[in-house]
Structure formats: structure tokens, C-alpha cells
Amino acid sequence: MTDQALAEQALVEEATKKSGLIWVRGASVPTLDPQDVGAPTRPLWHVWHDGAVYVVGDGPGEQPLPGLVDGREAAVTVRSKDKGGRLVSWTASVAELAPGSEEWGVAVGELKGKRLNAPDGEAMTERWARECRVVRLAPTGSTASLPSGSLAAPPVPTSATTRLPVPAALPHLLFRRRRRS
């Protein structure tokens, strides 16, 4: 392995370990809609263990995992925890773990410690086995160069509207000074 490849591997591992969220874009799901550009990029909480990222989702109360198909690839972007800027983007091979397998047990043991506010506490591992998917994202060794321009995307069309203007008297009521007695 070259020095460059070792440096990229170390960057992927360290950045992903320290990041609370990763941004993942899975494989495109074929549809007939010409406006569909593929699976969306999603923020996912994760755990780094044994050279790969593990995520749990696609069940009630858990994060969605669109486009993460067993045997396909996914694009992973890791951002800085303090500044929020992109540190590295890498390609991962996707593997869904079978519930009850040895690798699944190890991954769930690691994920269980990172899951915040689980509605069912210690019983969440049984729920994950019944209703969720645990997915392993292993780096393939290829990283993308950082973009030079903005990657901002236009907002997704929605039927949501903004609220009505604030009543004129509200700022006066909220920010008036109390009189001293």
C-alpha cells in the first residue's frame, strides 16, 4: 500500500470515528419518475468498529436507510464536528447483517451504547432483530477529492408555508423594560 493510500485510510478512519453523524447517499432505487435523481443523502448516526461503519434503521422510531442495498455501494461524507465542513468523502460497500449472526451481535453491542433516548431501553436489541436492519459500510479504499464550489441544492418542493407576519405589538410586549419601583 502506498503512503498516499495509507494516509487516506487513516483520514477516513479518524474522521469517521470522531464524527457524530455521517452523510450517506445509497444506491439509486429505479423509479419511473424522471425527476427522481436517486436516493437522498441522509445524515445517519453510526458507530465505527473493526474498520467499518455500522448503522441501524428502517424500523419504527429508527432512522431511514434509503438506498442502502446489500451488495451495492454508497457514498459517505464525513464532516468536521467543530466547524461542520467536509473532511472526507469515501465510497463504501454495503452489507446487511443477518439478525442473530455473530457479526450482528457485535455490531448491535456497539450500536446499543450510542443509541440515545431509545423508547424501549434494554429491549431495543430484540426490536432491532425483529423490525430493523443493521448495515455495515466498509470503505472500498477510494476517496473523492474535495469540491471547489458550493454543493448547495435547492430546497425540496413542499406544500408547507411560512407563518403569518408577527403582530406589530409583539416585539414591544416581549422586549419592554420593567419599571423599577
Protein backbone atom coordinates (compact mmCIF):
# COMPACT_ATOMS: atom_id res chain seq x y z
CA MET A 1 0.00 0.00 0.00
CA THR A 2 1.36 3.43 -0.90
CA ASP A 3 1.89 6.24 1.57
CA GLN A 4 -0.96 8.17 -0.05
CA ALA A 5 -3.37 5.23 0.35
CA LEU A 6 -2.35 4.75 3.99
CA ALA A 7 -2.88 8.45 4.69
CA GLU A 8 -6.34 8.36 3.08
CA GLN A 9 -7.26 5.24 5.05
CA ALA A 10 -6.14 6.89 8.30
CA LEU A 11 -8.11 10.05 7.46
CA VAL A 12 -11.28 8.05 6.74
CA GLU A 13 -10.98 6.11 9.99
CA GLU A 14 -10.13 9.01 12.30
CA ALA A 15 -12.66 11.44 10.80
CA THR A 16 -15.46 8.87 10.87
CA LYS A 17 -14.68 7.73 14.42
CA LYS A 18 -14.85 11.27 15.75
CA SER A 19 -17.91 12.38 13.82
CA GLY A 20 -21.32 12.08 15.46
CA LEU A 21 -23.10 11.95 12.10
CA ILE A 22 -22.13 10.86 8.64
CA TRP A 23 -23.93 11.78 5.44
CA VAL A 24 -24.74 8.75 3.30
CA ARG A 25 -26.11 8.51 -0.22
CA GLY A 26 -27.10 4.98 -1.13
CA ALA A 27 -27.63 3.38 -4.50
CA SER A 28 -30.36 4.79 -6.67
CA VAL A 29 -33.66 2.99 -6.47
CA PRO A 30 -35.05 2.70 -10.02
CA THR A 31 -38.32 4.58 -10.49
CA LEU A 32 -40.33 5.78 -13.45
CA ASP A 33 -40.28 9.38 -12.24
CA PRO A 34 -37.92 11.45 -14.46
CA GLN A 35 -37.49 13.99 -11.62
CA ASP A 36 -36.04 11.31 -9.32
CA VAL A 37 -32.27 11.67 -9.10
CA GLY A 38 -31.73 8.68 -6.83
CA ALA A 39 -31.67 8.04 -3.14
CA PRO A 40 -31.32 11.15 -1.00
CA THR A 41 -28.26 11.94 1.06
CA ARG A 42 -29.17 11.30 4.70
CA PRO A 43 -27.47 12.09 7.99
CA LEU A 44 -27.03 8.88 9.97
CA TRP A 45 -25.79 8.26 13.49
CA HIS A 46 -23.34 5.42 13.48
CA VAL A 47 -20.55 3.58 15.23
CA TRP A 48 -17.11 2.84 13.80
CA HIS A 49 -15.95 -0.64 14.72
CA ASP A 50 -13.37 -3.02 13.28
CA GLY A 51 -12.63 -0.93 10.18
CA ALA A 52 -16.21 -0.17 9.12
CA VAL A 53 -19.27 1.91 9.92
CA TYR A 54 -22.35 0.22 11.37
CA VAL A 55 -25.81 1.80 11.23
CA VAL A 56 -29.23 0.61 12.34
CA GLY A 57 -32.55 1.77 10.90
CA ASP A 58 -35.59 1.21 8.71
CA GLY A 59 -37.78 0.32 11.66
CA PRO A 60 -40.35 2.15 13.78
CA GLY A 61 -38.68 5.02 15.60
CA GLU A 62 -35.33 4.50 13.89
CA GLN A 63 -33.50 6.38 11.14
CA PRO A 64 -34.38 5.64 7.50
CA LEU A 65 -31.76 3.88 5.37
CA PRO A 66 -32.91 4.59 1.79
CA GLY A 67 -30.76 3.19 -0.96
CA LEU A 68 -28.53 1.09 1.31
CA VAL A 69 -28.86 -2.17 -0.59
CA ASP A 70 -26.85 -5.28 0.26
CA GLY A 71 -24.03 -5.78 -2.23
CA ARG A 72 -24.15 -2.24 -3.65
CA GLU A 73 -22.04 0.82 -2.92
CA ALA A 74 -22.78 4.03 -1.05
CA ALA A 75 -21.10 7.43 -0.86
CA VAL A 76 -20.19 8.56 2.66
CA THR A 77 -19.31 12.14 3.58
CA VAL A 78 -17.77 12.97 6.94
CA ARG A 79 -17.96 16.47 8.31
CA SER A 80 -15.93 18.20 10.99
CA LYS A 81 -17.51 18.08 14.42
CA ASP A 82 -16.45 21.61 15.33
CA LYS A 83 -16.67 23.59 12.07
CA GLY A 84 -19.15 21.47 10.10
CA GLY A 85 -17.04 21.50 6.94
CA ARG A 86 -16.47 18.44 4.80
CA LEU A 87 -13.39 16.48 5.84
CA VAL A 88 -13.51 13.49 3.51
CA SER A 89 -15.86 11.65 1.16
CA TRP A 90 -15.37 7.95 0.61
CA THR A 91 -17.03 5.01 -1.12
CA ALA A 92 -18.35 2.12 0.94
CA SER A 93 -19.52 -1.37 0.12
CA VAL A 94 -22.89 -2.11 1.76
CA ALA A 95 -23.56 -5.37 3.59
CA GLU A 96 -26.73 -6.09 5.56
CA LEU A 97 -26.09 -8.23 8.62
CA ALA A 98 -28.32 -11.20 9.41
CA PRO A 99 -30.05 -10.89 12.81
CA GLY A 100 -28.58 -13.31 15.31
CA SER A 101 -25.27 -13.77 13.47
CA GLU A 102 -22.02 -13.27 15.37
CA GLU A 103 -21.16 -10.09 13.44
CA TRP A 104 -24.69 -8.76 14.04
CA GLY A 105 -24.32 -9.35 17.80
CA VAL A 106 -21.01 -7.49 17.95
CA ALA A 107 -22.37 -4.59 15.86
CA VAL A 108 -25.54 -4.30 17.94
CA GLY A 109 -23.47 -4.34 21.13
CA GLU A 110 -21.54 -1.34 19.85
CA LEU A 111 -24.63 0.46 18.48
CA LYS A 112 -26.59 -0.03 21.70
CA GLY A 113 -24.18 2.20 23.59
CA LYS A 114 -24.59 5.03 21.07
CA ARG A 115 -28.41 4.95 20.76
CA LEU A 116 -29.87 7.93 22.59
CA ASN A 117 -33.40 8.01 24.01
CA ALA A 118 -34.45 4.52 22.99
CA PRO A 119 -38.18 4.15 23.71
CA ASP A 120 -37.81 0.56 24.92
CA GLY A 121 -34.49 0.69 26.78
CA GLU A 122 -32.72 -2.65 27.03
CA ALA A 123 -35.36 -4.38 24.86
CA MET A 124 -34.25 -2.39 21.81
CA THR A 125 -31.91 -5.15 20.61
CA GLU A 126 -34.82 -7.59 20.32
CA ARG A 127 -36.81 -4.92 18.45
CA TRP A 128 -33.87 -4.32 16.12
CA ALA A 129 -33.72 -8.05 15.39
CA ARG A 130 -37.45 -8.19 14.59
CA GLU A 131 -38.12 -4.88 12.85
CA CYS A 132 -34.89 -3.13 11.77
CA ARG A 133 -31.86 -3.57 9.58
CA VAL A 134 -28.24 -3.39 10.71
CA VAL A 135 -25.95 -2.39 7.86
CA ARG A 136 -22.15 -2.44 7.57
CA LEU A 137 -20.47 0.20 5.40
CA ALA A 138 -16.89 -0.85 4.70
CA PRO A 139 -14.50 1.57 2.97
CA THR A 140 -13.52 0.42 -0.51
CA GLY A 141 -10.32 2.47 -0.47
CA SER A 142 -11.43 5.23 -2.82
CA THR A 143 -11.89 8.78 -1.62
CA ALA A 144 -13.25 11.72 -3.57
CA SER A 145 -11.39 14.98 -3.94
CA LEU A 146 -12.95 17.93 -2.18
CA PRO A 147 -15.13 20.10 -4.42
CA SER A 148 -14.04 23.61 -5.24
CA GLY A 149 -17.50 25.15 -5.45
CA SER A 150 -20.70 25.09 -3.46
CA LEU A 151 -22.74 21.91 -3.43
CA ALA A 152 -25.84 23.66 -2.12
CA ALA A 153 -29.01 22.13 -3.50
CA PRO A 154 -32.33 23.88 -3.98
CA PRO A 155 -34.92 23.06 -1.32
CA VAL A 156 -37.24 20.16 -1.99
CA PRO A 157 -40.70 21.33 -3.16
CA THR A 158 -43.24 21.19 -0.33
CA SER A 159 -46.76 22.26 0.47
CA ALA A 160 -45.59 23.82 3.75
CA THR A 161 -45.93 27.58 4.07
CA THR A 162 -44.42 30.19 6.30
CA ARG A 163 -46.43 31.51 9.18
CA LEU A 164 -48.22 34.83 9.13
CA PRO A 165 -46.29 38.02 9.92
CA VAL A 166 -45.61 38.74 13.58
CA PRO A 167 -48.17 41.16 15.06
CA ALA A 168 -46.75 44.69 15.34
CA ALA A 169 -47.24 44.86 19.12
CA LEU A 170 -45.46 41.58 19.90
CA PRO A 171 -41.87 42.89 20.00
CA HIS A 172 -42.98 45.69 22.33
CA LEU A 173 -44.65 43.21 24.66
CA LEU A 174 -41.70 40.82 24.65
CA PHE A 175 -38.88 43.30 24.99
CA ARG A 176 -40.31 46.10 27.11
CA ARG A 177 -38.29 47.11 30.11
CA ARG A 178 -39.64 46.51 33.54
CA ARG A 179 -40.15 49.61 35.59
CA ARG A 180 -38.21 49.93 38.78
CA SER A 181 -40.27 50.54 41.84
